[in-house]
Amino acid sequence: MHIHIYPDKILKTKCEPITVINGDVQTLIENMIEIMYKNNGIGLAAPQVGIPSQIIIFDTNKNGLTVVINPSITLNKEEFFSLESCLSIPGFEGKVRRKQVVYLEGTDRYEKPINIEATDLLAACIQHEVEHLQGILLLDRVIRSKKEAYLKKLKKYRKANNNKL
């Protein structure tokens, strides 16, 4: 299992809910945790490792490691700009308008309900990971000129490396 890199089509896939939390799901979660920490990430969504399922994990050092299955979020009105990067878009960083506070609901890996009120970095991280489950990437949320500059750089890199990432 590995991190899928843009423009891999799996990253634009809308993910399916998890209906049964079984051994395969637990193994996926363990693999995701290992991959996130190995790559110094603060969050990871299942499609980033090639699985179109609604699972996110995150650890911003605020609440420790959190696993959420079938997450849903409610947003408030206050906004801020979050400087973000993404493990699936190496070398890219962009400012994204995010909601300051989010309310996250879902199920943990042991089928217990999760309810979290998150602010600032944790709120941005949760929004970022939930968007992955909807097929929305950081590149879709930044200003057009920033996205175009990255795509131009990516095209040049791929050309120089025989179309390989």
N, C-alpha and C. Protein backbone atom coordinates (compact mmCIF):
# COMPACT_ATOMS: atom_id res chain seq x y z
N MET A 1 0.85 -1.17 0.00
CA MET A 1 0.00 0.00 0.00
C MET A 1 0.90 1.23 0.00
N HIS A 2 0.50 2.25 -0.77
CA HIS A 2 1.30 3.46 -0.89
C HIS A 2 0.38 4.66 -1.08
N ILE A 3 0.95 5.85 -0.99
CA ILE A 3 0.19 7.08 -1.23
C ILE A 3 0.05 7.27 -2.74
N HIS A 4 -1.17 7.46 -3.18
CA HIS A 4 -1.44 7.73 -4.58
C HIS A 4 -1.24 9.23 -4.83
N ILE A 5 -0.54 9.52 -5.91
CA ILE A 5 -0.12 10.88 -6.23
C ILE A 5 -0.98 11.45 -7.36
N TYR A 6 -1.32 12.73 -7.24
CA TYR A 6 -2.02 13.44 -8.30
C TYR A 6 -1.22 13.32 -9.58
N PRO A 7 -1.85 13.00 -10.71
CA PRO A 7 -3.27 13.02 -11.06
C PRO A 7 -3.97 11.65 -11.03
N ASP A 8 -3.59 10.75 -10.17
CA ASP A 8 -4.23 9.44 -10.08
C ASP A 8 -5.75 9.62 -9.94
N LYS A 9 -6.49 8.90 -10.76
CA LYS A 9 -7.95 9.04 -10.81
C LYS A 9 -8.65 8.69 -9.49
N ILE A 10 -8.07 7.82 -8.69
CA ILE A 10 -8.70 7.45 -7.42
C ILE A 10 -8.91 8.67 -6.53
N LEU A 11 -8.07 9.67 -6.69
CA LEU A 11 -8.14 10.87 -5.85
C LEU A 11 -9.37 11.72 -6.16
N LYS A 12 -9.97 11.52 -7.32
CA LYS A 12 -11.16 12.28 -7.71
C LYS A 12 -12.44 11.46 -7.54
N THR A 13 -12.32 10.30 -6.89
CA THR A 13 -13.45 9.39 -6.71
C THR A 13 -14.25 9.75 -5.46
N LYS A 14 -15.58 9.74 -5.60
CA LYS A 14 -16.44 9.89 -4.42
C LYS A 14 -16.50 8.54 -3.72
N CYS A 15 -16.23 8.55 -2.44
CA CYS A 15 -16.07 7.30 -1.68
C CYS A 15 -17.39 6.77 -1.14
N GLU A 16 -17.41 5.46 -1.00
CA GLU A 16 -18.57 4.75 -0.48
C GLU A 16 -18.49 4.63 1.05
N PRO A 17 -19.65 4.67 1.71
CA PRO A 17 -19.65 4.46 3.17
C PRO A 17 -19.20 3.04 3.52
N ILE A 18 -18.65 2.90 4.68
CA ILE A 18 -18.30 1.59 5.24
C ILE A 18 -19.57 1.03 5.89
N THR A 19 -19.94 -0.20 5.53
CA THR A 19 -21.15 -0.80 6.09
C THR A 19 -20.83 -1.82 7.19
N VAL A 20 -19.63 -2.42 7.13
CA VAL A 20 -19.22 -3.40 8.13
C VAL A 20 -17.77 -3.11 8.52
N ILE A 21 -17.52 -3.01 9.80
CA ILE A 21 -16.15 -2.79 10.28
C ILE A 21 -15.59 -4.16 10.64
N ASN A 22 -14.82 -4.72 9.69
CA ASN A 22 -14.28 -6.07 9.86
C ASN A 22 -12.75 -6.04 9.87
N GLY A 23 -12.14 -7.20 9.79
CA GLY A 23 -10.68 -7.30 9.81
C GLY A 23 -10.03 -6.56 8.66
N ASP A 24 -10.64 -6.58 7.48
CA ASP A 24 -10.08 -5.85 6.34
C ASP A 24 -10.04 -4.35 6.61
N VAL A 25 -11.09 -3.84 7.22
CA VAL A 25 -11.15 -2.41 7.55
C VAL A 25 -10.09 -2.09 8.61
N GLN A 26 -9.94 -2.95 9.61
CA GLN A 26 -8.93 -2.72 10.65
C GLN A 26 -7.52 -2.73 10.06
N THR A 27 -7.27 -3.64 9.12
CA THR A 27 -5.96 -3.70 8.46
C THR A 27 -5.72 -2.44 7.65
N LEU A 28 -6.74 -1.98 6.94
CA LEU A 28 -6.63 -0.74 6.18
C LEU A 28 -6.28 0.42 7.11
N ILE A 29 -6.96 0.51 8.23
CA ILE A 29 -6.70 1.58 9.19
C ILE A 29 -5.26 1.51 9.69
N GLU A 30 -4.80 0.33 10.06
CA GLU A 30 -3.41 0.18 10.53
C GLU A 30 -2.42 0.62 9.45
N ASN A 31 -2.67 0.23 8.21
CA ASN A 31 -1.79 0.63 7.10
C ASN A 31 -1.81 2.14 6.91
N MET A 32 -3.00 2.73 6.99
CA MET A 32 -3.11 4.19 6.85
C MET A 32 -2.33 4.92 7.94
N ILE A 33 -2.44 4.44 9.17
CA ILE A 33 -1.72 5.06 10.29
C ILE A 33 -0.21 5.00 10.03
N GLU A 34 0.26 3.83 9.67
CA GLU A 34 1.69 3.66 9.38
C GLU A 34 2.15 4.60 8.27
N ILE A 35 1.39 4.68 7.20
CA ILE A 35 1.76 5.51 6.05
C ILE A 35 1.73 6.99 6.42
N MET A 36 0.72 7.42 7.16
CA MET A 36 0.63 8.84 7.54
C MET A 36 1.84 9.25 8.37
N TYR A 37 2.16 8.47 9.41
CA TYR A 37 3.29 8.82 10.27
C TYR A 37 4.62 8.71 9.52
N LYS A 38 4.77 7.69 8.69
CA LYS A 38 6.00 7.51 7.92
C LYS A 38 6.28 8.70 7.01
N ASN A 39 5.21 9.35 6.53
CA ASN A 39 5.34 10.48 5.62
C ASN A 39 5.16 11.83 6.30
N ASN A 40 5.19 11.82 7.63
CA ASN A 40 5.09 13.05 8.42
C ASN A 40 3.82 13.85 8.13
N GLY A 41 2.73 13.12 7.88
CA GLY A 41 1.45 13.78 7.64
C GLY A 41 0.70 14.00 8.93
N ILE A 42 -0.32 14.87 8.85
CA ILE A 42 -1.21 15.08 10.00
C ILE A 42 -2.59 14.52 9.71
N GLY A 43 -2.82 14.06 8.48
CA GLY A 43 -4.10 13.49 8.13
C GLY A 43 -3.96 12.64 6.88
N LEU A 44 -4.90 11.71 6.72
CA LEU A 44 -4.89 10.83 5.54
C LEU A 44 -6.31 10.31 5.35
N ALA A 45 -6.71 10.21 4.09
CA ALA A 45 -8.02 9.66 3.74
C ALA A 45 -7.81 8.40 2.92
N ALA A 46 -8.74 7.45 3.04
CA ALA A 46 -8.60 6.15 2.36
C ALA A 46 -8.32 6.26 0.86
N PRO A 47 -8.93 7.18 0.11
CA PRO A 47 -8.60 7.22 -1.32
C PRO A 47 -7.14 7.57 -1.60
N GLN A 48 -6.48 8.20 -0.66
CA GLN A 48 -5.06 8.52 -0.85
C GLN A 48 -4.19 7.28 -0.84
N VAL A 49 -4.72 6.17 -0.34
CA VAL A 49 -4.00 4.90 -0.39
C VAL A 49 -4.69 3.92 -1.33
N GLY A 50 -5.56 4.47 -2.20
CA GLY A 50 -6.17 3.68 -3.26
C GLY A 50 -7.46 2.98 -2.92
N ILE A 51 -8.07 3.30 -1.78
CA ILE A 51 -9.30 2.63 -1.35
C ILE A 51 -10.44 3.66 -1.31
N PRO A 52 -11.47 3.49 -2.16
CA PRO A 52 -12.56 4.48 -2.21
C PRO A 52 -13.60 4.28 -1.11
N SER A 53 -13.16 4.33 0.13
CA SER A 53 -14.03 4.13 1.28
C SER A 53 -13.96 5.33 2.21
N GLN A 54 -15.01 5.56 2.98
CA GLN A 54 -15.10 6.72 3.85
C GLN A 54 -14.41 6.48 5.20
N ILE A 55 -13.09 6.61 5.17
CA ILE A 55 -12.27 6.53 6.39
C ILE A 55 -11.27 7.67 6.34
N ILE A 56 -11.16 8.40 7.43
CA ILE A 56 -10.11 9.41 7.57
C ILE A 56 -9.39 9.16 8.88
N ILE A 57 -8.13 9.56 8.92
CA ILE A 57 -7.36 9.55 10.17
C ILE A 57 -6.65 10.89 10.27
N PHE A 58 -6.40 11.32 11.48
CA PHE A 58 -5.65 12.57 11.66
C PHE A 58 -5.03 12.60 13.05
N ASP A 59 -3.95 13.37 13.13
CA ASP A 59 -3.25 13.58 14.39
C ASP A 59 -2.52 14.91 14.29
N THR A 60 -3.11 15.95 14.84
CA THR A 60 -2.49 17.29 14.82
C THR A 60 -1.79 17.59 16.13
N ASN A 61 -1.58 16.58 16.94
CA ASN A 61 -0.98 16.71 18.28
C ASN A 61 -1.90 17.41 19.26
N LYS A 62 -3.12 17.73 18.84
CA LYS A 62 -4.07 18.36 19.76
C LYS A 62 -4.84 17.31 20.54
N ASN A 63 -5.38 16.32 19.84
CA ASN A 63 -6.19 15.29 20.48
C ASN A 63 -5.58 13.90 20.34
N GLY A 64 -4.42 13.78 19.70
CA GLY A 64 -3.84 12.48 19.42
C GLY A 64 -4.45 11.87 18.18
N LEU A 65 -4.10 10.64 17.90
CA LEU A 65 -4.59 9.95 16.71
C LEU A 65 -6.10 9.73 16.80
N THR A 66 -6.78 10.08 15.71
CA THR A 66 -8.22 9.87 15.63
C THR A 66 -8.53 9.17 14.31
N VAL A 67 -9.34 8.13 14.39
CA VAL A 67 -9.83 7.40 13.22
C VAL A 67 -11.33 7.64 13.15
N VAL A 68 -11.81 8.06 11.96
CA VAL A 68 -13.24 8.30 11.80
C VAL A 68 -13.74 7.58 10.55
N ILE A 69 -14.75 6.77 10.76
CA ILE A 69 -15.40 6.04 9.67
C ILE A 69 -16.72 6.73 9.37
N ASN A 70 -17.00 6.92 8.08
CA ASN A 70 -18.22 7.59 7.61
C ASN A 70 -18.40 8.96 8.27
N PRO A 71 -17.38 9.83 8.14
CA PRO A 71 -17.46 11.13 8.78
C PRO A 71 -18.45 12.07 8.09
N SER A 72 -19.06 12.92 8.88
CA SER A 72 -19.85 14.02 8.34
C SER A 72 -19.51 15.25 9.17
N ILE A 73 -19.53 16.40 8.51
CA ILE A 73 -19.19 17.63 9.22
C ILE A 73 -20.27 18.68 9.04
N THR A 74 -20.39 19.50 10.06
CA THR A 74 -21.24 20.68 10.04
C THR A 74 -20.29 21.86 10.21
N LEU A 75 -20.48 22.88 9.40
CA LEU A 75 -19.57 24.02 9.40
C LEU A 75 -20.24 25.24 10.01
N ASN A 76 -19.44 26.12 10.65
CA ASN A 76 -20.01 27.38 11.11
C ASN A 76 -19.69 28.45 10.07
N LYS A 77 -20.02 29.70 10.36
CA LYS A 77 -19.87 30.77 9.36
C LYS A 77 -18.50 31.44 9.37
N GLU A 78 -17.82 31.46 10.51
CA GLU A 78 -16.54 32.16 10.60
C GLU A 78 -15.50 31.45 9.75
N GLU A 79 -14.66 32.25 9.04
CA GLU A 79 -13.65 31.67 8.16
C GLU A 79 -12.25 32.17 8.50
N PHE A 80 -11.27 31.42 8.02
CA PHE A 80 -9.88 31.83 8.10
C PHE A 80 -9.15 31.20 6.92
N PHE A 81 -7.94 31.67 6.66
CA PHE A 81 -7.13 31.08 5.60
C PHE A 81 -6.15 30.10 6.22
N SER A 82 -6.12 28.92 5.66
CA SER A 82 -5.25 27.86 6.14
C SER A 82 -4.20 27.57 5.08
N LEU A 83 -2.94 27.58 5.46
CA LEU A 83 -1.86 27.20 4.55
C LEU A 83 -1.73 25.69 4.63
N GLU A 84 -1.99 25.01 3.50
CA GLU A 84 -2.07 23.55 3.51
C GLU A 84 -1.17 22.93 2.47
N SER A 85 -0.83 21.67 2.74
CA SER A 85 -0.16 20.82 1.77
C SER A 85 -0.89 19.48 1.80
N CYS A 86 -0.46 18.57 0.92
CA CYS A 86 -1.16 17.30 0.80
C CYS A 86 -0.17 16.21 0.43
N LEU A 87 -0.24 15.08 1.10
CA LEU A 87 0.66 13.97 0.80
C LEU A 87 0.49 13.47 -0.63
N SER A 88 -0.68 13.67 -1.22
CA SER A 88 -0.93 13.23 -2.59
C SER A 88 -0.54 14.26 -3.64
N ILE A 89 -0.10 15.44 -3.20
CA ILE A 89 0.34 16.48 -4.12
C ILE A 89 1.69 17.00 -3.62
N PRO A 90 2.74 16.18 -3.78
CA PRO A 90 4.05 16.56 -3.21
C PRO A 90 4.58 17.86 -3.80
N GLY A 91 5.17 18.64 -2.91
CA GLY A 91 5.80 19.89 -3.33
C GLY A 91 4.83 21.04 -3.51
N PHE A 92 3.57 20.85 -3.21
CA PHE A 92 2.57 21.91 -3.39
C PHE A 92 2.07 22.39 -2.04
N GLU A 93 1.89 23.70 -1.95
CA GLU A 93 1.37 24.33 -0.74
C GLU A 93 0.48 25.48 -1.19
N GLY A 94 -0.66 25.64 -0.56
CA GLY A 94 -1.55 26.72 -0.95
C GLY A 94 -2.45 27.16 0.18
N LYS A 95 -2.89 28.41 0.10
CA LYS A 95 -3.82 28.94 1.09
C LYS A 95 -5.24 28.61 0.65
N VAL A 96 -6.01 28.14 1.62
CA VAL A 96 -7.38 27.73 1.38
C VAL A 96 -8.27 28.39 2.41
N ARG A 97 -9.41 28.90 1.96
CA ARG A 97 -10.39 29.46 2.89
C ARG A 97 -11.13 28.30 3.54
N ARG A 98 -11.08 28.25 4.86
CA ARG A 98 -11.71 27.19 5.64
C ARG A 98 -12.63 27.79 6.70
N LYS A 99 -13.52 26.97 7.19
CA LYS A 99 -14.36 27.36 8.32
C LYS A 99 -13.54 27.24 9.59
N GLN A 100 -13.71 28.19 10.48
CA GLN A 100 -12.93 28.26 11.72
C GLN A 100 -13.29 27.13 12.68
N VAL A 101 -14.56 26.75 12.70
CA VAL A 101 -15.03 25.71 13.62
C VAL A 101 -15.83 24.69 12.82
N VAL A 102 -15.58 23.41 13.08
CA VAL A 102 -16.39 22.36 12.47
C VAL A 102 -16.82 21.37 13.56
N TYR A 103 -17.94 20.74 13.29
CA TYR A 103 -18.45 19.69 14.17
C TYR A 103 -18.39 18.40 13.37
N LEU A 104 -17.64 17.45 13.86
CA LEU A 104 -17.42 16.19 13.17
C LEU A 104 -18.19 15.08 13.88
N GLU A 105 -18.89 14.29 13.08
CA GLU A 105 -19.58 13.11 13.60
C GLU A 105 -19.17 11.91 12.76
N GLY A 106 -19.14 10.75 13.37
CA GLY A 106 -18.82 9.53 12.68
C GLY A 106 -18.73 8.40 13.67
N THR A 107 -18.02 7.36 13.25
CA THR A 107 -17.84 6.17 14.08
C THR A 107 -16.35 5.90 14.19
N ASP A 108 -15.89 5.49 15.36
CA ASP A 108 -14.49 5.11 15.47
C ASP A 108 -14.30 3.67 15.00
N ARG A 109 -13.09 3.19 15.03
CA ARG A 109 -12.81 1.85 14.51
C ARG A 109 -13.41 0.73 15.35
N TYR A 110 -13.90 1.08 16.54
CA TYR A 110 -14.53 0.09 17.43
C TYR A 110 -16.06 0.26 17.45
N GLU A 111 -16.57 0.98 16.46
CA GLU A 111 -18.00 1.19 16.24
C GLU A 111 -18.65 2.07 17.31
N LYS A 112 -17.85 2.89 17.97
CA LYS A 112 -18.38 3.84 18.94
C LYS A 112 -18.56 5.20 18.25
N PRO A 113 -19.63 5.94 18.59
CA PRO A 113 -19.85 7.25 17.98
C PRO A 113 -18.75 8.24 18.34
N ILE A 114 -18.42 9.09 17.38
CA ILE A 114 -17.45 10.16 17.60
C ILE A 114 -18.17 11.48 17.35
N ASN A 115 -17.97 12.42 18.26
CA ASN A 115 -18.46 13.79 18.11
C ASN A 115 -17.34 14.71 18.55
N ILE A 116 -16.84 15.52 17.63
CA ILE A 116 -15.72 16.40 17.94
C ILE A 116 -16.05 17.81 17.46
N GLU A 117 -15.81 18.79 18.32
CA GLU A 117 -15.84 20.18 17.90
C GLU A 117 -14.39 20.58 17.69
N ALA A 118 -14.06 21.00 16.48
CA ALA A 118 -12.67 21.30 16.14
C ALA A 118 -12.53 22.76 15.69
N THR A 119 -11.38 23.35 16.03
CA THR A 119 -11.08 24.71 15.61
C THR A 119 -9.70 24.76 14.96
N ASP A 120 -9.46 25.84 14.25
CA ASP A 120 -8.15 26.17 13.69
C ASP A 120 -7.54 25.02 12.89
N LEU A 121 -6.31 24.60 13.21
CA LEU A 121 -5.60 23.58 12.43
C LEU A 121 -6.39 22.28 12.36
N LEU A 122 -6.94 21.84 13.47
CA LEU A 122 -7.71 20.59 13.48
C LEU A 122 -8.95 20.72 12.59
N ALA A 123 -9.62 21.87 12.63
CA ALA A 123 -10.79 22.09 11.78
C ALA A 123 -10.39 22.05 10.31
N ALA A 124 -9.27 22.68 9.96
CA ALA A 124 -8.80 22.68 8.57
C ALA A 124 -8.43 21.27 8.13
N CYS A 125 -7.76 20.54 8.99
CA CYS A 125 -7.36 19.16 8.68
C CYS A 125 -8.58 18.29 8.43
N ILE A 126 -9.58 18.38 9.27
CA ILE A 126 -10.79 17.58 9.11
C ILE A 126 -11.48 17.93 7.79
N GLN A 127 -11.60 19.22 7.49
CA GLN A 127 -12.24 19.62 6.24
C GLN A 127 -11.47 19.08 5.04
N HIS A 128 -10.15 19.18 5.09
CA HIS A 128 -9.28 18.69 4.01
C HIS A 128 -9.50 17.19 3.79
N GLU A 129 -9.48 16.40 4.85
CA GLU A 129 -9.62 14.95 4.72
C GLU A 129 -11.02 14.54 4.27
N VAL A 130 -12.04 15.19 4.78
CA VAL A 130 -13.41 14.88 4.35
C VAL A 130 -13.59 15.23 2.88
N GLU A 131 -12.97 16.30 2.42
CA GLU A 131 -13.06 16.65 1.00
C GLU A 131 -12.44 15.55 0.13
N HIS A 132 -11.37 14.91 0.60
CA HIS A 132 -10.79 13.79 -0.15
C HIS A 132 -11.86 12.72 -0.40
N LEU A 133 -12.73 12.48 0.55
CA LEU A 133 -13.77 11.45 0.41
C LEU A 133 -14.81 11.84 -0.63
N GLN A 134 -14.86 13.14 -0.96
CA GLN A 134 -15.79 13.64 -1.96
C GLN A 134 -15.12 13.85 -3.32
N GLY A 135 -13.84 13.48 -3.41
CA GLY A 135 -13.11 13.66 -4.66
C GLY A 135 -12.63 15.08 -4.88
N ILE A 136 -12.56 15.86 -3.81
CA ILE A 136 -12.11 17.25 -3.89
C ILE A 136 -10.69 17.33 -3.36
N LEU A 137 -9.81 17.92 -4.16
CA LEU A 137 -8.39 18.02 -3.78
C LEU A 137 -8.02 19.45 -3.43
N LEU A 138 -6.91 19.60 -2.75
CA LEU A 138 -6.37 20.91 -2.44
C LEU A 138 -6.24 21.76 -3.70
N LEU A 139 -5.83 21.16 -4.80
CA LEU A 139 -5.69 21.90 -6.06
C LEU A 139 -7.02 22.48 -6.53
N ASP A 140 -8.12 21.86 -6.15
CA ASP A 140 -9.45 22.35 -6.53
C ASP A 140 -9.85 23.57 -5.71
N ARG A 141 -9.18 23.80 -4.60
CA ARG A 141 -9.58 24.85 -3.65
C ARG A 141 -8.69 26.09 -3.65
N VAL A 142 -7.57 26.04 -4.35
CA VAL A 142 -6.66 27.19 -4.36
C VAL A 142 -6.96 28.08 -5.56
N ILE A 143 -6.36 29.26 -5.57
CA ILE A 143 -6.59 30.17 -6.69
C ILE A 143 -6.01 29.57 -7.98
N ARG A 144 -6.66 29.91 -9.09
CA ARG A 144 -6.33 29.31 -10.38
C ARG A 144 -4.85 29.46 -10.75
N SER A 145 -4.27 30.63 -10.51
CA SER A 145 -2.87 30.84 -10.91
C SER A 145 -1.92 29.92 -10.15
N LYS A 146 -2.21 29.65 -8.89
CA LYS A 146 -1.38 28.75 -8.08
C LYS A 146 -1.49 27.32 -8.62
N LYS A 147 -2.71 26.91 -8.97
CA LYS A 147 -2.93 25.58 -9.52
C LYS A 147 -2.23 25.45 -10.88
N GLU A 148 -2.38 26.44 -11.73
CA GLU A 148 -1.76 26.39 -13.07
C GLU A 148 -0.24 26.33 -12.98
N ALA A 149 0.34 27.07 -12.04
CA ALA A 149 1.80 27.05 -11.87
C ALA A 149 2.26 25.65 -11.45
N TYR A 150 1.52 25.02 -10.55
CA TYR A 150 1.88 23.66 -10.12
C TYR A 150 1.75 22.67 -11.27
N LEU A 151 0.67 22.76 -12.03
CA LEU A 151 0.45 21.83 -13.14
C LEU A 151 1.54 21.99 -14.21
N LYS A 152 1.97 23.21 -14.43
CA LYS A 152 3.06 23.46 -15.39
C LYS A 152 4.36 22.82 -14.87
N LYS A 153 4.63 22.98 -13.60
CA LYS A 153 5.82 22.39 -12.98
C LYS A 153 5.75 20.86 -13.05
N LEU A 154 4.56 20.29 -12.78
CA LEU A 154 4.36 18.84 -12.83
C LEU A 154 4.57 18.32 -14.26
N LYS A 155 4.03 19.02 -15.24
CA LYS A 155 4.19 18.61 -16.64
C LYS A 155 5.66 18.61 -17.04
N LYS A 156 6.39 19.63 -16.64
CA LYS A 156 7.82 19.73 -16.94
C LYS A 156 8.58 18.59 -16.27
N TYR A 157 8.26 18.31 -15.03
CA TYR A 157 8.90 17.22 -14.29
C TYR A 157 8.64 15.88 -14.96
N ARG A 158 7.38 15.64 -15.32
CA ARG A 158 7.02 14.37 -15.95
C ARG A 158 7.70 14.21 -17.30
N LYS A 159 7.83 15.28 -18.06
CA LYS A 159 8.50 15.23 -19.36
C LYS A 159 9.96 14.87 -19.18
N ALA A 160 10.59 15.44 -18.18
CA ALA A 160 12.00 15.20 -17.91
C ALA A 160 12.24 13.78 -17.37
N ASN A 161 11.18 13.16 -16.84
CA ASN A 161 11.31 11.83 -16.23
C ASN A 161 10.49 10.77 -16.97
N ASN A 162 10.38 10.94 -18.26
CA ASN A 162 9.65 9.97 -19.11
C ASN A 162 8.24 9.68 -18.62
N ASN A 163 7.52 10.75 -18.27
CA ASN A 163 6.12 10.69 -17.86
C ASN A 163 5.90 9.93 -16.55
N LYS A 164 6.93 9.82 -15.73
CA LYS A 164 6.80 9.15 -14.43
C LYS A 164 6.79 10.19 -13.32
N LEU A 165 6.06 9.87 -12.26
CA LEU A 165 6.00 10.78 -11.09
C LEU A 165 7.10 10.44 -10.13
